[in-house]
C-alpha atoms as a PDB file:
ATOM      1  CA  MET A   1     -72.325  24.762  10.488  1.00  0.00           C
ATOM      2  CA  LYS A   2     -69.720  25.623   7.843  1.00  0.00           C
ATOM      3  CA  ARG A   3     -71.533  28.893   7.063  1.00  0.00           C
ATOM      4  CA  LEU A   4     -71.500  29.905  10.723  1.00  0.00           C
ATOM      5  CA  LEU A   5     -67.794  29.141  11.024  1.00  0.00           C
ATOM      6  CA  LEU A   6     -67.050  31.051   7.827  1.00  0.00           C
ATOM      7  CA  GLY A   7     -69.066  34.025   9.101  1.00  0.00           C
ATOM      8  CA  VAL A   8     -67.116  34.077  12.372  1.00  0.00           C
ATOM      9  CA  VAL A   9     -63.783  33.737  10.567  1.00  0.00           C
ATOM     10  CA  LEU A  10     -64.626  36.712   8.352  1.00  0.00           C
ATOM     11  CA  ALA A  11     -66.235  38.851  11.071  1.00  0.00           C
ATOM     12  CA  VAL A  12     -63.439  38.699  13.652  1.00  0.00           C
ATOM     13  CA  PRO A  13     -60.746  40.436  11.526  1.00  0.00           C
ATOM     14  CA  ALA A  14     -63.292  43.066  10.461  1.00  0.00           C
ATOM     15  CA  PHE A  15     -64.138  43.913  14.087  1.00  0.00           C
ATOM     16  CA  VAL A  16     -60.467  43.961  15.082  1.00  0.00           C
ATOM     17  CA  GLY A  17     -59.649  46.314  12.204  1.00  0.00           C
ATOM     18  CA  LEU A  18     -62.566  48.573  13.037  1.00  0.00           C
ATOM     19  CA  GLY A  19     -61.605  48.667  16.710  1.00  0.00           C
ATOM     20  CA  THR A  20     -57.977  49.579  16.089  1.00  0.00           C
ATOM     21  CA  SER A  21     -58.861  52.326  13.630  1.00  0.00           C
ATOM     22  CA  THR A  22     -61.390  53.812  16.038  1.00  0.00           C
ATOM     23  CA  TYR A  23     -59.018  53.968  18.995  1.00  0.00           C
ATOM     24  CA  ALA A  24     -55.804  54.870  17.158  1.00  0.00           C
ATOM     25  CA  PRO A  25     -54.003  57.891  18.658  1.00  0.00           C
ATOM     26  CA  LYS A  26     -54.040  61.089  16.634  1.00  0.00           C
ATOM     27  CA  ALA A  27     -50.796  62.022  14.929  1.00  0.00           C
ATOM     28  CA  GLU A  28     -49.301  65.437  15.642  1.00  0.00           C
ATOM     29  CA  ALA A  29     -46.799  67.267  13.510  1.00  0.00           C
ATOM     30  CA  ALA A  30     -43.381  68.023  14.954  1.00  0.00           C
ATOM     31  CA  PRO A  31     -42.668  71.685  15.661  1.00  0.00           C
ATOM     32  CA  ALA A  32     -40.837  73.730  13.034  1.00  0.00           C
ATOM     33  CA  GLN A  33     -38.442  75.152  15.650  1.00  0.00           C
ATOM     34  CA  SER A  34     -36.663  74.281  18.869  1.00  0.00           C
ATOM     35  CA  CYS A  35     -37.053  77.025  21.491  1.00  0.00           C
ATOM     36  CA  GLU A  36     -36.014  77.881  25.042  1.00  0.00           C
ATOM     37  CA  TRP A  37     -37.752  80.200  27.530  1.00  0.00           C
ATOM     38  CA  ASP A  38     -36.705  81.608  30.904  1.00  0.00           C
ATOM     39  CA  TYR A  39     -39.387  82.259  33.545  1.00  0.00           C
ATOM     40  CA  PHE A  40     -39.180  85.003  36.172  1.00  0.00           C
ATOM     41  CA  SER A  41     -40.864  85.612  39.516  1.00  0.00           C
ATOM     42  CA  ASP A  42     -42.387  89.004  38.629  1.00  0.00           C
ATOM     43  CA  ASP A  43     -42.500  91.767  36.018  1.00  0.00           C
ATOM     44  CA  THR A  44     -39.059  93.121  36.991  1.00  0.00           C
ATOM     45  CA  TYR A  45     -37.479  90.046  35.335  1.00  0.00           C
ATOM     46  CA  SER A  46     -34.734  90.092  37.970  1.00  0.00           C
ATOM     47  CA  GLU A  47     -35.169  86.623  39.544  1.00  0.00           C
ATOM     48  CA  MET A  48     -35.253  83.640  37.204  1.00  0.00           C
ATOM     49  CA  VAL A  49     -37.367  80.813  38.649  1.00  0.00           C
ATOM     50  CA  GLY A  50     -37.626  78.400  35.719  1.00  0.00           C
ATOM     51  CA  ASN A  51     -36.477  77.342  32.282  1.00  0.00           C
ATOM     52  CA  GLU A  52     -38.278  75.423  29.545  1.00  0.00           C
ATOM     53  CA  THR A  53     -37.021  73.866  26.333  1.00  0.00           C
ATOM     54  CA  GLN A  54     -39.069  72.500  23.442  1.00  0.00           C
ATOM     55  CA  THR A  55     -37.046  70.165  21.222  1.00  0.00           C
ATOM     56  CA  CYS A  56     -37.462  69.415  17.536  1.00  0.00           C
ATOM     57  CA  SER A  57     -39.142  66.126  18.464  1.00  0.00           C
ATOM     58  CA  GLY A  58     -41.889  68.096  20.250  1.00  0.00           C
ATOM     59  CA  ARG A  59     -40.842  67.173  23.790  1.00  0.00           C
ATOM     60  CA  ARG A  60     -40.888  69.852  26.461  1.00  0.00           C
ATOM     61  CA  TYR A  61     -38.525  69.924  29.400  1.00  0.00           C
ATOM     62  CA  LEU A  62     -39.271  72.215  32.336  1.00  0.00           C
ATOM     63  CA  SER A  63     -36.982  72.896  35.260  1.00  0.00           C
ATOM     64  CA  GLY A  64     -38.210  75.119  38.048  1.00  0.00           C
ATOM     65  CA  VAL A  65     -41.506  76.993  37.813  1.00  0.00           C
ATOM     66  CA  ARG A  66     -43.439  78.211  34.780  1.00  0.00           C
ATOM     67  CA  THR A  67     -44.882  81.692  35.354  1.00  0.00           C
ATOM     68  CA  SER A  68     -46.613  84.286  33.185  1.00  0.00           C
ATOM     69  CA  TYR A  69     -43.376  86.351  33.163  1.00  0.00           C
ATOM     70  CA  SER A  70     -41.311  84.710  30.449  1.00  0.00           C
ATOM     71  CA  ARG A  71     -38.602  85.692  28.049  1.00  0.00           C
ATOM     72  CA  LEU A  72     -37.753  83.820  24.860  1.00  0.00           C
ATOM     73  CA  VAL A  73     -34.054  82.928  24.954  1.00  0.00           C
ATOM     74  CA  PHE A  74     -33.652  81.516  21.445  1.00  0.00           C
ATOM     75  CA  CYS A  75     -35.297  79.534  18.657  1.00  0.00           C
ATOM     76  CA  PHE A  76     -33.701  77.731  15.762  1.00  0.00           C
ATOM     77  CA  PRO A  77     -35.246  75.802  12.882  1.00  0.00           C
ATOM     78  CA  CYS A  78     -35.471  72.029  13.070  1.00  0.00           C
END
């Protein structure tokens, strides 16, 4: 009976450790720059319809609409 109890006591932490290492989220590096883009309705770039900012922490903030007609406003190093 003592062997069974010892086996359970040793096995539980091993399974918990294996489970947490298997399902741990992947780490991503922070971007090297913070940037801002303006988005336009068409290729004339006359009507701005959206704006997006990527911060040094890697977060992206979008206001309006993201289109394929974009212009980089600025970037600066983090």
